[in-house]
Amino acid sequence: MGELLSTVAQIVSSYVARLLERRVLARDARVAADLMAIVLALQELCLTGDRILALAGTMAAGTARPDDLTEFAALVRRQSTQVDELRARVEGSRALLATVEVEFAFALAPLLDHKSGLLARWQQQAALSQFSTTTLLFLPAAGVTRAIAASRPDPTGTDLDLDRTDFVLVVADEVRSVRRREVRDVRNPGDGERDRLLRDIEEARVRLGDTRELCRRLGATIQQTVGAEAMAQLRRTLAGREQQR
């Protein structure tokens, strides 16, 4: 899951960089507000993911409390809801953002498509098996890269559409590869699996920490670009949106 969030954050970061070069954010507070909303949604996902990984570490080490297991399961469900919220942020901003950078939504389509995107595939997996490493870690970086390379966004679509044939086949193959070496239940890893699982969890937390830092920098950049007064208005706009949800 962390690799998916990292990829989304990198795409958003490259998009923000292009808009900064063209001074779009300094001129259009609405675009800045929509991008900030996406960044904040990503931050929330990262915070939830870090807590999930921390709890998984206690389970794998055999030091979890009963409440930890309950919290873990609740957080996995919460993370799935947050994926829907991120998708809604991007879809709700698509028309406006397309006026200044048409490729943005297309670049995110392999991850956020609600039918076969990578995050939708993770949601399906999480609904089937909350405690497996396939849910906890999902695809490695190389697998995410191969899946995205196989996707072809349709620029004529009205949704985050994909030409799904090659993409779906590659994703299915990557998921099968992960499952062949998965730990089916992080609450009870085998003796030969525990050390590897703990290393994988720690590496995933480091990667997720890097993504959180990228999101923090993106938020700070947007704030610095639009200025204090515009940022205050932007935050009021975002708060109003949250109240309407």
Protein backbone atom coordinates (compact mmCIF):
# COMPACT_ATOMS: atom_id res chain seq x y z
CA MET A 1 0.00 0.00 0.00
CA GLY A 2 2.83 2.39 0.81
CA GLU A 3 4.22 2.12 -2.73
CA LEU A 4 0.86 3.14 -4.17
CA LEU A 5 0.70 6.21 -1.94
CA SER A 6 4.29 7.06 -2.78
CA THR A 7 3.50 6.91 -6.49
CA VAL A 8 0.43 9.13 -6.11
CA ALA A 9 2.49 11.64 -4.12
CA GLN A 10 5.24 11.68 -6.74
CA ILE A 11 2.74 12.34 -9.53
CA VAL A 12 1.14 15.16 -7.54
CA SER A 13 4.60 16.57 -6.77
CA SER A 14 5.60 16.64 -10.44
CA TYR A 15 2.32 18.33 -11.29
CA VAL A 16 2.80 20.99 -8.59
CA ALA A 17 6.34 21.62 -9.87
CA ARG A 18 5.06 22.26 -13.40
CA LEU A 19 2.40 24.65 -12.12
CA LEU A 20 4.98 26.51 -10.05
CA GLU A 21 7.15 26.98 -13.12
CA ARG A 22 4.19 28.50 -14.92
CA ARG A 23 3.16 30.51 -11.82
CA VAL A 24 -0.34 29.05 -12.00
CA LEU A 25 -0.69 28.55 -8.24
CA ALA A 26 0.24 32.17 -7.55
CA ARG A 27 -2.49 33.33 -9.95
CA ASP A 28 -5.31 30.87 -9.25
CA ALA A 29 -6.25 30.18 -5.63
CA ARG A 30 -8.94 27.69 -6.73
CA VAL A 31 -6.32 25.44 -8.31
CA ALA A 32 -4.17 25.77 -5.18
CA ALA A 33 -7.15 24.86 -3.00
CA ASP A 34 -7.91 21.73 -4.99
CA LEU A 35 -4.30 20.61 -4.91
CA MET A 36 -4.07 21.26 -1.18
CA ALA A 37 -7.17 19.13 -0.64
CA ILE A 38 -5.54 16.25 -2.53
CA VAL A 39 -2.31 16.63 -0.56
CA LEU A 40 -4.21 16.64 2.74
CA ALA A 41 -6.11 13.49 1.73
CA LEU A 42 -2.78 11.82 0.95
CA GLN A 43 -1.39 12.89 4.32
CA GLU A 44 -4.33 11.33 6.12
CA LEU A 45 -3.79 8.08 4.24
CA CYS A 46 -0.12 8.10 5.19
CA LEU A 47 -0.90 8.71 8.87
CA THR A 48 -3.36 5.83 8.90
CA GLY A 49 -0.91 3.61 7.03
CA ASP A 50 1.89 4.33 9.48
CA ARG A 51 -0.30 3.35 12.42
CA ILE A 52 -1.37 0.16 10.62
CA LEU A 53 2.28 -0.77 10.04
CA ALA A 54 3.17 -0.01 13.67
CA LEU A 55 0.39 -2.29 14.89
CA ALA A 56 1.41 -4.98 12.40
CA GLY A 57 4.90 -4.82 13.88
CA THR A 58 3.59 -5.54 17.36
CA MET A 59 1.53 -8.46 16.04
CA ALA A 60 4.44 -9.93 14.12
CA ALA A 61 6.68 -9.58 17.18
CA GLY A 62 4.10 -11.25 19.42
CA THR A 63 3.66 -8.21 21.67
CA ALA A 64 0.24 -7.03 20.50
CA ARG A 65 -2.58 -6.41 22.97
CA PRO A 66 -6.15 -7.49 22.19
CA ASP A 67 -7.10 -3.86 21.57
CA ASP A 68 -4.34 -3.63 18.94
CA LEU A 69 -5.99 -6.28 16.81
CA THR A 70 -9.32 -4.50 16.98
CA GLU A 71 -7.71 -1.17 16.12
CA PHE A 72 -5.77 -2.72 13.24
CA ALA A 73 -8.90 -4.13 11.60
CA ALA A 74 -10.75 -0.83 12.07
CA LEU A 75 -7.86 1.13 10.55
CA VAL A 76 -7.69 -1.10 7.47
CA ARG A 77 -11.39 -0.37 6.91
CA ARG A 78 -10.73 3.32 7.54
CA GLN A 79 -7.91 3.32 5.03
CA SER A 80 -10.24 1.90 2.40
CA THR A 81 -12.68 4.73 3.11
CA GLN A 82 -9.84 7.24 2.83
CA VAL A 83 -8.95 5.83 -0.59
CA ASP A 84 -12.51 6.64 -1.68
CA GLU A 85 -12.09 10.15 -0.26
CA LEU A 86 -8.84 10.66 -2.18
CA ARG A 87 -10.49 9.43 -5.36
CA ALA A 88 -13.40 11.81 -4.78
CA ARG A 89 -10.97 14.70 -4.30
CA VAL A 90 -9.27 14.03 -7.62
CA GLU A 91 -12.49 13.40 -9.52
CA GLY A 92 -14.07 16.53 -8.03
CA SER A 93 -11.07 18.61 -9.08
CA ARG A 94 -10.58 17.05 -12.48
CA ALA A 95 -12.50 19.61 -14.55
CA LEU A 96 -10.72 22.58 -12.98
CA LEU A 97 -7.25 21.04 -12.99
CA ALA A 98 -7.66 19.92 -16.59
CA THR A 99 -7.94 23.56 -17.62
CA VAL A 100 -4.32 24.09 -16.59
CA GLU A 101 -2.79 20.61 -16.85
CA VAL A 102 -4.86 18.10 -18.79
CA GLU A 103 -2.53 15.15 -18.18
CA PHE A 104 -2.91 15.18 -14.39
CA ALA A 105 -5.98 12.94 -14.06
CA PHE A 106 -4.71 10.66 -16.83
CA ALA A 107 -1.44 10.13 -14.96
CA LEU A 108 -3.37 9.14 -11.83
CA ALA A 109 -5.88 6.90 -13.64
CA PRO A 110 -3.91 3.63 -13.22
CA LEU A 111 -3.99 4.21 -9.46
CA LEU A 112 -7.40 5.82 -8.91
CA ASP A 113 -9.70 4.28 -11.52
CA HIS A 114 -12.67 3.06 -9.49
CA LYS A 115 -13.06 -0.20 -11.44
CA SER A 116 -9.57 -1.57 -11.99
CA GLY A 117 -7.09 0.95 -10.60
CA LEU A 118 -4.38 -0.25 -8.25
CA LEU A 119 -6.00 1.29 -5.19
CA ALA A 120 -9.32 -0.33 -6.09
CA ARG A 121 -7.49 -3.64 -6.40
CA TRP A 122 -6.00 -3.09 -2.95
CA GLN A 123 -9.47 -2.37 -1.57
CA GLN A 124 -10.72 -5.68 -2.95
CA GLN A 125 -7.78 -7.47 -1.36
CA ALA A 126 -8.31 -5.74 1.99
CA ALA A 127 -11.96 -6.77 2.04
CA LEU A 128 -10.96 -10.41 1.55
CA SER A 129 -8.04 -10.65 3.98
CA GLN A 130 -7.30 -7.87 6.45
CA PHE A 131 -4.32 -9.53 8.12
CA SER A 132 -2.30 -10.82 5.17
CA THR A 133 0.90 -9.19 3.99
CA THR A 134 -0.68 -8.82 0.56
CA THR A 135 -3.09 -6.36 2.18
CA LEU A 136 -0.48 -4.82 4.47
CA LEU A 137 2.27 -4.26 1.89
CA PHE A 138 0.54 -4.99 -1.43
CA LEU A 139 2.82 -4.52 -4.46
CA PRO A 140 6.53 -3.69 -4.38
CA ALA A 141 7.85 -0.67 -6.25
CA ALA A 142 8.82 -2.71 -9.30
CA GLY A 143 5.33 -4.21 -9.50
CA VAL A 144 3.68 -0.79 -9.33
CA THR A 145 6.00 0.47 -12.06
CA ARG A 146 5.20 -2.47 -14.35
CA ALA A 147 1.46 -2.06 -13.81
CA ILE A 148 1.49 1.66 -14.58
CA ALA A 149 3.61 1.08 -17.68
CA ALA A 150 0.93 -1.32 -18.95
CA SER A 151 -1.89 1.22 -18.57
CA ARG A 152 -3.14 3.50 -21.31
CA PRO A 153 -5.46 6.26 -20.05
CA ASP A 154 -8.20 7.16 -22.50
CA PRO A 155 -8.14 10.95 -23.03
CA THR A 156 -11.66 10.90 -24.50
CA GLY A 157 -13.27 9.30 -21.44
CA THR A 158 -15.56 11.05 -18.99
CA ASP A 159 -14.18 9.16 -15.98
CA LEU A 160 -10.70 8.02 -14.96
CA ASP A 161 -10.92 5.43 -17.73
CA LEU A 162 -8.33 2.86 -18.72
CA ASP A 163 -7.81 0.58 -21.66
CA ARG A 164 -7.86 -2.27 -19.19
CA THR A 165 -6.70 -5.33 -21.10
CA ASP A 166 -2.94 -5.25 -20.63
CA PHE A 167 -3.19 -3.37 -17.36
CA VAL A 168 -5.54 -5.86 -15.69
CA LEU A 169 -3.40 -8.80 -16.82
CA VAL A 170 -0.23 -7.24 -15.44
CA VAL A 171 -1.87 -6.33 -12.13
CA ALA A 172 -3.26 -9.85 -11.75
CA ASP A 173 0.17 -11.32 -12.44
CA GLU A 174 1.82 -8.99 -9.91
CA VAL A 175 -0.74 -9.84 -7.23
CA ARG A 176 -0.26 -13.58 -7.84
CA SER A 177 3.49 -13.11 -7.47
CA VAL A 178 3.02 -11.33 -4.14
CA ARG A 179 0.61 -13.97 -2.86
CA ARG A 180 3.06 -16.78 -3.57
CA ARG A 181 5.32 -15.42 -0.83
CA GLU A 182 2.77 -13.77 1.45
CA VAL A 183 2.35 -14.28 5.17
CA ARG A 184 -1.31 -15.09 5.38
CA ASP A 185 -1.78 -13.80 8.90
CA VAL A 186 0.59 -11.26 10.43
CA ARG A 187 -0.85 -12.17 13.84
CA ASN A 188 0.76 -15.58 13.62
CA PRO A 189 3.80 -15.69 11.30
CA GLY A 190 5.88 -18.83 11.11
CA ASP A 191 9.27 -18.92 12.80
CA GLY A 192 11.01 -18.59 9.46
CA GLU A 193 8.77 -15.70 8.42
CA ARG A 194 8.88 -13.43 11.47
CA ASP A 195 12.27 -11.78 10.95
CA ARG A 196 11.61 -11.13 7.26
CA LEU A 197 8.18 -9.74 8.04
CA LEU A 198 9.54 -7.36 10.66
CA ARG A 199 12.18 -6.12 8.21
CA ASP A 200 9.56 -5.61 5.51
CA ILE A 201 7.34 -3.66 7.91
CA GLU A 202 10.19 -1.42 8.98
CA GLU A 203 11.21 -0.75 5.38
CA ALA A 204 7.60 0.07 4.53
CA ARG A 205 7.42 2.54 7.42
CA VAL A 206 10.56 4.29 6.20
CA ARG A 207 9.10 4.53 2.70
CA LEU A 208 5.82 5.84 4.06
CA GLY A 209 7.71 8.37 6.17
CA ASP A 210 9.39 9.65 3.01
CA THR A 211 5.95 10.04 1.41
CA ARG A 212 4.62 11.92 4.43
CA GLU A 213 7.59 14.27 4.23
CA LEU A 214 6.97 14.84 0.52
CA CYS A 215 3.34 15.70 1.28
CA ARG A 216 4.47 18.07 4.03
CA ARG A 217 6.81 19.84 1.62
CA LEU A 218 4.09 20.07 -1.02
CA GLY A 219 1.72 21.66 1.48
CA ALA A 220 4.40 24.11 2.59
CA THR A 221 5.20 24.98 -1.03
CA ILE A 222 1.57 25.68 -1.86
CA GLN A 223 1.24 27.82 1.27
CA GLN A 224 4.38 29.80 0.49
CA THR A 225 3.28 30.34 -3.11
CA VAL A 226 -0.22 31.61 -2.47
CA GLY A 227 0.72 33.73 0.57
CA ALA A 228 -0.64 33.91 4.10
CA GLU A 229 -3.90 35.73 3.34
CA ALA A 230 -4.84 33.51 0.40
CA MET A 231 -3.85 30.44 2.40
CA ALA A 232 -6.18 31.43 5.22
CA GLN A 233 -9.02 31.75 2.71
CA LEU A 234 -7.99 28.44 1.17
CA ARG A 235 -8.19 26.70 4.56
CA ARG A 236 -11.63 28.19 5.18
CA THR A 237 -12.73 26.87 1.80
CA LEU A 238 -11.44 23.38 2.61
CA ALA A 239 -13.09 23.48 6.04
CA GLY A 240 -16.39 24.41 4.40
CA ARG A 241 -16.07 21.48 2.01
CA GLU A 242 -15.49 19.11 4.92
CA GLN A 243 -18.62 20.34 6.66
CA GLN A 244 -20.64 19.68 3.52
CA ARG A 245 -19.39 16.10 3.17
